Amino acid sequence: MTAVDATAVQTPPADGAGGSSAPSPGTRSLPGEKAQRIVDAMRRSVARRGTAGSTFDHVSREAGVSRGLLHYYFGTKEQLLVEAVRRDCELRLELLERQLSTAQTADDFIDLMAQNLQLTIREDPDFLTLIYELFTLSQRNEDIAVEYAGLMRRTREQVAGMLAVAHREGILRLHAEPEAVAEILFSLGDGLALRMLSEPERDFSATISAGIECARALLTD
């Protein structure tokens, strides 16, 4: 770390609060609009360059903020990647929960989940790249492994909660514990997404239909 970098880490940015007693990077609260610009810049950079090539210089320029601000709020680019994935997952789960709350039948529920997967692959593959980059990083970095496992646990628990509500309301008929079903659904989605991104010109209609039948076996009578 250079002397400039060390100063950037220790000194709060001009528009931030706090002094020597400020919380550590990763726990500080950054205003929403500015945070979103940074997260979006990190997503674009990782999609183009990978994590290794996504320096704070790249991200700060694209986000229109100082490199010191990134150091102060996130500490490392790895922690910024964690934050980018966490924010994306939270937004997507909120949207999915709102959509699934309108489902009246199991078919509605399953179709909405399938549509979300296809929409993500078609319109926002960068999000999936971000997830895979974070997983790869977690295999070499113990701190990131803890963060990644926590993120997977929280998303699993949230989806399991949605499944449990639909089961209680008679929309679904779960054939295993909600968390187990959520894990299988994520596994189906992750596997399909990886293959679909690898062969973007291939027609996966039959594969998606087979995946829907697998989900139906877990979610309906």
C-alpha atoms as a PDB file:
ATOM      1  CA  MET A   1       0.000   0.000   0.000  1.00  0.00           C
ATOM      2  CA  THR A   2       1.358   3.415  -0.881  1.00  0.00           C
ATOM      3  CA  ALA A   3       1.425   6.378   1.479  1.00  0.00           C
ATOM      4  CA  VAL A   4      -1.410   7.913  -0.542  1.00  0.00           C
ATOM      5  CA  ASP A   5      -3.503   4.774  -0.147  1.00  0.00           C
ATOM      6  CA  ALA A   6      -2.817   4.601   3.589  1.00  0.00           C
ATOM      7  CA  THR A   7      -3.983   8.169   4.013  1.00  0.00           C
ATOM      8  CA  ALA A   8      -7.115   7.440   2.002  1.00  0.00           C
ATOM      9  CA  VAL A   9      -7.989   4.526   4.270  1.00  0.00           C
ATOM     10  CA  GLN A  10      -7.442   6.375   7.517  1.00  0.00           C
ATOM     11  CA  THR A  11      -8.918   9.764   6.627  1.00  0.00           C
ATOM     12  CA  PRO A  12     -12.679  10.135   6.114  1.00  0.00           C
ATOM     13  CA  PRO A  13     -13.646  11.759   2.810  1.00  0.00           C
ATOM     14  CA  ALA A  14     -14.692  15.383   2.915  1.00  0.00           C
ATOM     15  CA  ASP A  15     -18.400  14.560   2.666  1.00  0.00           C
ATOM     16  CA  GLY A  16     -18.267  11.716   5.196  1.00  0.00           C
ATOM     17  CA  ALA A  17     -18.549  11.741   8.971  1.00  0.00           C
ATOM     18  CA  GLY A  18     -16.320  10.328  11.654  1.00  0.00           C
ATOM     19  CA  GLY A  19     -12.742  10.418  12.850  1.00  0.00           C
ATOM     20  CA  SER A  20     -10.428   8.000  14.584  1.00  0.00           C
ATOM     21  CA  SER A  21     -13.418   6.257  16.194  1.00  0.00           C
ATOM     22  CA  ALA A  22     -15.158   5.662  12.843  1.00  0.00           C
ATOM     23  CA  PRO A  23     -16.287   2.087  12.187  1.00  0.00           C
ATOM     24  CA  SER A  24     -14.218  -0.193   9.994  1.00  0.00           C
ATOM     25  CA  PRO A  25     -14.687  -0.348   6.214  1.00  0.00           C
ATOM     26  CA  GLY A  26     -17.704  -2.434   5.246  1.00  0.00           C
ATOM     27  CA  THR A  27     -19.780  -1.198   8.212  1.00  0.00           C
ATOM     28  CA  ARG A  28     -20.006   2.489   7.235  1.00  0.00           C
ATOM     29  CA  SER A  29     -23.195   3.810   5.720  1.00  0.00           C
ATOM     30  CA  LEU A  30     -22.835   5.473   2.328  1.00  0.00           C
ATOM     31  CA  PRO A  31     -25.674   7.638   0.947  1.00  0.00           C
ATOM     32  CA  GLY A  32     -27.912   5.602  -1.350  1.00  0.00           C
ATOM     33  CA  GLU A  33     -27.438   7.437  -4.652  1.00  0.00           C
ATOM     34  CA  LYS A  34     -23.667   7.533  -4.386  1.00  0.00           C
ATOM     35  CA  ALA A  35     -23.508   3.939  -3.173  1.00  0.00           C
ATOM     36  CA  GLN A  36     -25.600   2.800  -6.127  1.00  0.00           C
ATOM     37  CA  ARG A  37     -23.275   4.571  -8.588  1.00  0.00           C
ATOM     38  CA  ILE A  38     -20.305   2.784  -7.041  1.00  0.00           C
ATOM     39  CA  VAL A  39     -22.018  -0.601  -7.030  1.00  0.00           C
ATOM     40  CA  ASP A  40     -23.120  -0.187 -10.653  1.00  0.00           C
ATOM     41  CA  ALA A  41     -19.588   0.789 -11.674  1.00  0.00           C
ATOM     42  CA  MET A  42     -18.182  -2.286  -9.900  1.00  0.00           C
ATOM     43  CA  ARG A  43     -20.689  -4.534 -11.650  1.00  0.00           C
ATOM     44  CA  ARG A  44     -19.726  -3.190 -15.063  1.00  0.00           C
ATOM     45  CA  SER A  45     -16.022  -3.389 -14.325  1.00  0.00           C
ATOM     46  CA  VAL A  46     -16.136  -6.981 -13.066  1.00  0.00           C
ATOM     47  CA  ALA A  47     -18.206  -8.046 -16.081  1.00  0.00           C
ATOM     48  CA  ARG A  48     -15.567  -6.572 -18.421  1.00  0.00           C
ATOM     49  CA  ARG A  49     -12.319  -7.126 -16.536  1.00  0.00           C
ATOM     50  CA  GLY A  50     -12.985  -9.691 -13.820  1.00  0.00           C
ATOM     51  CA  THR A  51     -12.251  -9.057 -10.151  1.00  0.00           C
ATOM     52  CA  ALA A  52      -8.475  -9.050 -10.606  1.00  0.00           C
ATOM     53  CA  GLY A  53      -8.646  -6.305 -13.215  1.00  0.00           C
ATOM     54  CA  SER A  54     -11.236  -4.163 -11.434  1.00  0.00           C
ATOM     55  CA  THR A  55      -9.091  -1.688  -9.523  1.00  0.00           C
ATOM     56  CA  PHE A  56     -10.365   1.149  -7.370  1.00  0.00           C
ATOM     57  CA  ASP A  57      -9.004   3.494 -10.029  1.00  0.00           C
ATOM     58  CA  HIS A  58     -11.308   1.955 -12.653  1.00  0.00           C
ATOM     59  CA  VAL A  59     -14.342   1.912 -10.387  1.00  0.00           C
ATOM     60  CA  SER A  60     -13.862   5.408  -8.955  1.00  0.00           C
ATOM     61  CA  ARG A  61     -13.540   6.935 -12.425  1.00  0.00           C
ATOM     62  CA  GLU A  62     -16.663   5.188 -13.703  1.00  0.00           C
ATOM     63  CA  ALA A  63     -18.644   6.088 -10.579  1.00  0.00           C
ATOM     64  CA  GLY A  64     -17.439   9.696 -10.525  1.00  0.00           C
ATOM     65  CA  VAL A  65     -16.081   9.512  -6.952  1.00  0.00           C
ATOM     66  CA  SER A  66     -12.638   9.611  -5.392  1.00  0.00           C
ATOM     67  CA  ARG A  67     -10.557   6.494  -4.868  1.00  0.00           C
ATOM     68  CA  GLY A  68     -10.156   7.560  -1.232  1.00  0.00           C
ATOM     69  CA  LEU A  69     -13.907   7.357  -0.740  1.00  0.00           C
ATOM     70  CA  LEU A  70     -13.902   3.740  -1.969  1.00  0.00           C
ATOM     71  CA  HIS A  71     -11.067   2.859   0.412  1.00  0.00           C
ATOM     72  CA  TYR A  72     -12.824   4.541   3.312  1.00  0.00           C
ATOM     73  CA  TYR A  73     -16.218   2.904   2.859  1.00  0.00           C
ATOM     74  CA  PHE A  74     -15.251  -0.507   1.476  1.00  0.00           C
ATOM     75  CA  GLY A  75     -11.609  -1.066   2.421  1.00  0.00           C
ATOM     76  CA  THR A  76     -10.813  -3.436  -0.463  1.00  0.00           C
ATOM     77  CA  LYS A  77     -12.193  -4.167  -3.893  1.00  0.00           C
ATOM     78  CA  GLU A  78     -13.149  -7.623  -2.634  1.00  0.00           C
ATOM     79  CA  GLN A  79     -15.395  -6.083   0.011  1.00  0.00           C
ATOM     80  CA  LEU A  80     -16.856  -3.811  -2.638  1.00  0.00           C
ATOM     81  CA  LEU A  81     -17.648  -6.900  -4.731  1.00  0.00           C
ATOM     82  CA  VAL A  82     -19.411  -8.439  -1.722  1.00  0.00           C
ATOM     83  CA  GLU A  83     -21.443  -5.260  -1.283  1.00  0.00           C
ATOM     84  CA  ALA A  84     -22.360  -5.164  -4.981  1.00  0.00           C
ATOM     85  CA  VAL A  85     -23.627  -8.759  -4.882  1.00  0.00           C
ATOM     86  CA  ARG A  86     -25.460  -8.200  -1.582  1.00  0.00           C
ATOM     87  CA  ARG A  87     -27.300  -5.134  -2.880  1.00  0.00           C
ATOM     88  CA  ASP A  88     -28.226  -6.876  -6.121  1.00  0.00           C
ATOM     89  CA  CYS A  89     -29.547  -9.918  -4.280  1.00  0.00           C
ATOM     90  CA  GLU A  90     -31.616  -7.792  -1.911  1.00  0.00           C
ATOM     91  CA  LEU A  91     -33.239  -5.870  -4.763  1.00  0.00           C
ATOM     92  CA  ARG A  92     -33.971  -9.021  -6.745  1.00  0.00           C
ATOM     93  CA  LEU A  93     -35.452 -10.831  -3.766  1.00  0.00           C
ATOM     94  CA  GLU A  94     -37.670  -7.845  -2.950  1.00  0.00           C
ATOM     95  CA  LEU A  95     -38.941  -7.819  -6.536  1.00  0.00           C
ATOM     96  CA  LEU A  96     -39.448 -11.587  -6.555  1.00  0.00           C
ATOM     97  CA  GLU A  97     -41.376 -11.443  -3.281  1.00  0.00           C
ATOM     98  CA  ARG A  98     -43.706  -8.759  -4.670  1.00  0.00           C
ATOM     99  CA  GLN A  99     -44.257 -10.768  -7.832  1.00  0.00           C
ATOM    100  CA  LEU A 100     -44.866 -14.058  -6.037  1.00  0.00           C
ATOM    101  CA  SER A 101     -47.363 -12.412  -3.695  1.00  0.00           C
ATOM    102  CA  THR A 102     -49.676 -12.125  -6.727  1.00  0.00           C
ATOM    103  CA  ALA A 103     -49.518 -15.851  -7.537  1.00  0.00           C
ATOM    104  CA  GLN A 104     -52.851 -17.591  -7.188  1.00  0.00           C
ATOM    105  CA  THR A 105     -51.776 -21.085  -8.261  1.00  0.00           C
ATOM    106  CA  ALA A 106     -48.677 -23.261  -8.255  1.00  0.00           C
ATOM    107  CA  ASP A 107     -48.380 -22.716 -12.007  1.00  0.00           C
ATOM    108  CA  ASP A 108     -48.341 -18.942 -11.443  1.00  0.00           C
ATOM    109  CA  PHE A 109     -45.609 -19.355  -8.859  1.00  0.00           C
ATOM    110  CA  ILE A 110     -43.439 -21.617 -11.008  1.00  0.00           C
ATOM    111  CA  ASP A 111     -43.908 -19.531 -14.155  1.00  0.00           C
ATOM    112  CA  LEU A 112     -42.842 -16.360 -12.340  1.00  0.00           C
ATOM    113  CA  MET A 113     -39.663 -18.001 -11.075  1.00  0.00           C
ATOM    114  CA  ALA A 114     -38.845 -19.348 -14.545  1.00  0.00           C
ATOM    115  CA  GLN A 115     -39.504 -15.955 -16.135  1.00  0.00           C
ATOM    116  CA  ASN A 116     -37.199 -14.242 -13.619  1.00  0.00           C
ATOM    117  CA  LEU A 117     -34.364 -16.627 -14.467  1.00  0.00           C
ATOM    118  CA  GLN A 118     -34.771 -16.141 -18.215  1.00  0.00           C
ATOM    119  CA  LEU A 119     -35.063 -12.373 -17.863  1.00  0.00           C
ATOM    120  CA  THR A 120     -31.868 -12.185 -15.818  1.00  0.00           C
ATOM    121  CA  ILE A 121     -29.939 -14.272 -18.345  1.00  0.00           C
ATOM    122  CA  ARG A 122     -31.264 -12.245 -21.265  1.00  0.00           C
ATOM    123  CA  GLU A 123     -31.103  -8.714 -19.855  1.00  0.00           C
ATOM    124  CA  ASP A 124     -28.655  -8.720 -16.950  1.00  0.00           C
ATOM    125  CA  PRO A 125     -26.005 -11.440 -17.345  1.00  0.00           C
ATOM    126  CA  ASP A 126     -23.548  -9.159 -15.500  1.00  0.00           C
ATOM    127  CA  PHE A 127     -25.310 -10.066 -12.250  1.00  0.00           C
ATOM    128  CA  LEU A 128     -24.592 -13.752 -12.802  1.00  0.00           C
ATOM    129  CA  THR A 129     -20.972 -12.991 -13.665  1.00  0.00           C
ATOM    130  CA  LEU A 130     -20.729 -11.116 -10.363  1.00  0.00           C
ATOM    131  CA  ILE A 131     -22.026 -14.136  -8.425  1.00  0.00           C
ATOM    132  CA  TYR A 132     -19.584 -16.513 -10.123  1.00  0.00           C
ATOM    133  CA  GLU A 133     -16.670 -14.117  -9.559  1.00  0.00           C
ATOM    134  CA  LEU A 134     -17.523 -13.882  -5.868  1.00  0.00           C
ATOM    135  CA  PHE A 135     -17.727 -17.678  -5.566  1.00  0.00           C
ATOM    136  CA  THR A 136     -14.324 -18.076  -7.232  1.00  0.00           C
ATOM    137  CA  LEU A 137     -12.823 -15.464  -4.931  1.00  0.00           C
ATOM    138  CA  SER A 138     -14.343 -17.167  -1.880  1.00  0.00           C
ATOM    139  CA  GLN A 139     -12.301 -20.293  -2.635  1.00  0.00           C
ATOM    140  CA  ARG A 140      -9.065 -18.362  -2.087  1.00  0.00           C
ATOM    141  CA  ASN A 141     -10.023 -15.810   0.563  1.00  0.00           C
ATOM    142  CA  GLU A 142     -11.268 -16.929   3.965  1.00  0.00           C
ATOM    143  CA  ASP A 143     -12.948 -13.623   4.822  1.00  0.00           C
ATOM    144  CA  ILE A 144     -14.799 -13.563   1.509  1.00  0.00           C
ATOM    145  CA  ALA A 145     -15.760 -17.217   2.014  1.00  0.00           C
ATOM    146  CA  VAL A 146     -17.513 -16.239   5.246  1.00  0.00           C
ATOM    147  CA  GLU A 147     -19.264 -13.332   3.496  1.00  0.00           C
ATOM    148  CA  TYR A 148     -20.294 -15.515   0.553  1.00  0.00           C
ATOM    149  CA  ALA A 149     -21.662 -18.277   2.785  1.00  0.00           C
ATOM    150  CA  GLY A 150     -23.655 -15.711   4.758  1.00  0.00           C
ATOM    151  CA  LEU A 151     -25.106 -14.264   1.568  1.00  0.00           C
ATOM    152  CA  MET A 152     -26.111 -17.719   0.316  1.00  0.00           C
ATOM    153  CA  ARG A 153     -27.693 -18.504   3.684  1.00  0.00           C
ATOM    154  CA  ARG A 154     -29.719 -15.294   3.760  1.00  0.00           C
ATOM    155  CA  THR A 155     -31.026 -15.713   0.212  1.00  0.00           C
ATOM    156  CA  ARG A 156     -31.903 -19.351   0.896  1.00  0.00           C
ATOM    157  CA  GLU A 157     -33.765 -18.414   4.071  1.00  0.00           C
ATOM    158  CA  GLN A 158     -35.693 -15.619   2.339  1.00  0.00           C
ATOM    159  CA  VAL A 159     -36.825 -17.833  -0.523  1.00  0.00           C
ATOM    160  CA  ALA A 160     -37.651 -20.598   1.944  1.00  0.00           C
ATOM    161  CA  GLY A 161     -39.869 -18.095   3.762  1.00  0.00           C
ATOM    162  CA  MET A 162     -41.709 -17.291   0.524  1.00  0.00           C
ATOM    163  CA  LEU A 163     -42.213 -20.999  -0.130  1.00  0.00           C
ATOM    164  CA  ALA A 164     -43.495 -21.585   3.401  1.00  0.00           C
ATOM    165  CA  VAL A 165     -46.049 -18.775   3.063  1.00  0.00           C
ATOM    166  CA  ALA A 166     -47.281 -20.158  -0.274  1.00  0.00           C
ATOM    167  CA  HIS A 167     -47.540 -23.608   1.300  1.00  0.00           C
ATOM    168  CA  ARG A 168     -49.593 -22.318   4.240  1.00  0.00           C
ATOM    169  CA  GLU A 169     -51.900 -20.483   1.854  1.00  0.00           C
ATOM    170  CA  GLY A 170     -52.487 -23.649  -0.158  1.00  0.00           C
ATOM    171  CA  ILE A 171     -50.819 -22.325  -3.313  1.00  0.00           C
ATOM    172  CA  LEU A 172     -47.961 -24.838  -3.139  1.00  0.00           C
ATOM    173  CA  ARG A 173     -47.658 -28.345  -1.763  1.00  0.00           C
ATOM    174  CA  LEU A 174     -44.035 -28.690  -0.645  1.00  0.00           C
ATOM    175  CA  HIS A 175     -42.566 -32.185  -0.683  1.00  0.00           C
ATOM    176  CA  ALA A 176     -39.628 -31.330   1.578  1.00  0.00           C
ATOM    177  CA  GLU A 177     -38.639 -28.707   4.134  1.00  0.00           C
ATOM    178  CA  PRO A 178     -38.787 -25.151   2.689  1.00  0.00           C
ATOM    179  CA  GLU A 179     -35.034 -24.573   2.960  1.00  0.00           C
ATOM    180  CA  ALA A 180     -34.276 -27.871   1.214  1.00  0.00           C
ATOM    181  CA  VAL A 181     -36.678 -27.011  -1.593  1.00  0.00           C
ATOM    182  CA  ALA A 182     -35.178 -23.510  -1.902  1.00  0.00           C
ATOM    183  CA  GLU A 183     -31.691 -25.040  -2.153  1.00  0.00           C
ATOM    184  CA  ILE A 184     -32.767 -27.358  -4.970  1.00  0.00           C
ATOM    185  CA  LEU A 185     -34.463 -24.514  -6.848  1.00  0.00           C
ATOM    186  CA  PHE A 186     -31.322 -22.384  -6.567  1.00  0.00           C
ATOM    187  CA  SER A 187     -29.236 -25.323  -7.781  1.00  0.00           C
ATOM    188  CA  LEU A 188     -31.475 -25.766 -10.805  1.00  0.00           C
ATOM    189  CA  GLY A 189     -31.357 -22.062 -11.581  1.00  0.00           C
ATOM    190  CA  ASP A 190     -27.596 -21.726 -11.105  1.00  0.00           C
ATOM    191  CA  GLY A 191     -26.859 -24.733 -13.269  1.00  0.00           C
ATOM    192  CA  LEU A 192     -29.190 -23.625 -16.040  1.00  0.00           C
ATOM    193  CA  ALA A 193     -27.831 -20.083 -15.957  1.00  0.00           C
ATOM    194  CA  LEU A 194     -24.231 -21.278 -16.302  1.00  0.00           C
ATOM    195  CA  ARG A 195     -25.062 -23.453 -19.303  1.00  0.00           C
ATOM    196  CA  MET A 196     -27.240 -20.840 -20.972  1.00  0.00           C
ATOM    197  CA  LEU A 197     -24.547 -18.183 -20.638  1.00  0.00           C
ATOM    198  CA  SER A 198     -21.991 -20.602 -22.080  1.00  0.00           C
ATOM    199  CA  GLU A 199     -24.069 -21.218 -25.236  1.00  0.00           C
ATOM    200  CA  PRO A 200     -26.049 -18.011 -25.819  1.00  0.00           C
ATOM    201  CA  GLU A 201     -27.116 -18.982 -29.362  1.00  0.00           C
ATOM    202  CA  ARG A 202     -28.602 -22.337 -28.363  1.00  0.00           C
ATOM    203  CA  ASP A 203     -32.360 -22.814 -27.903  1.00  0.00           C
ATOM    204  CA  PHE A 204     -32.874 -23.901 -24.293  1.00  0.00           C
ATOM    205  CA  SER A 205     -36.681 -24.100 -24.437  1.00  0.00           C
ATOM    206  CA  ALA A 206     -36.799 -27.859 -23.922  1.00  0.00           C
ATOM    207  CA  THR A 207     -34.273 -27.649 -21.086  1.00  0.00           C
ATOM    208  CA  ILE A 208     -36.265 -24.938 -19.323  1.00  0.00           C
ATOM    209  CA  SER A 209     -39.442 -26.994 -19.705  1.00  0.00           C
ATOM    210  CA  ALA A 210     -37.668 -29.974 -18.116  1.00  0.00           C
ATOM    211  CA  GLY A 211     -36.481 -27.744 -15.279  1.00  0.00           C
ATOM    212  CA  ILE A 212     -40.041 -26.527 -14.714  1.00  0.00           C
ATOM    213  CA  GLU A 213     -41.208 -30.132 -14.438  1.00  0.00           C
ATOM    214  CA  CYS A 214     -38.512 -30.759 -11.818  1.00  0.00           C
ATOM    215  CA  ALA A 215     -39.731 -27.734  -9.845  1.00  0.00           C
ATOM    216  CA  ARG A 216     -43.335 -28.860 -10.217  1.00  0.00           C
ATOM    217  CA  ALA A 217     -42.467 -32.217  -8.644  1.00  0.00           C
ATOM    218  CA  LEU A 218     -41.206 -30.392  -5.534  1.00  0.00           C
ATOM    219  CA  LEU A 219     -43.950 -27.773  -5.338  1.00  0.00           C
ATOM    220  CA  THR A 220     -47.208 -29.479  -6.330  1.00  0.00           C
ATOM    221  CA  ASP A 221     -49.171 -32.687  -5.795  1.00  0.00           C
END
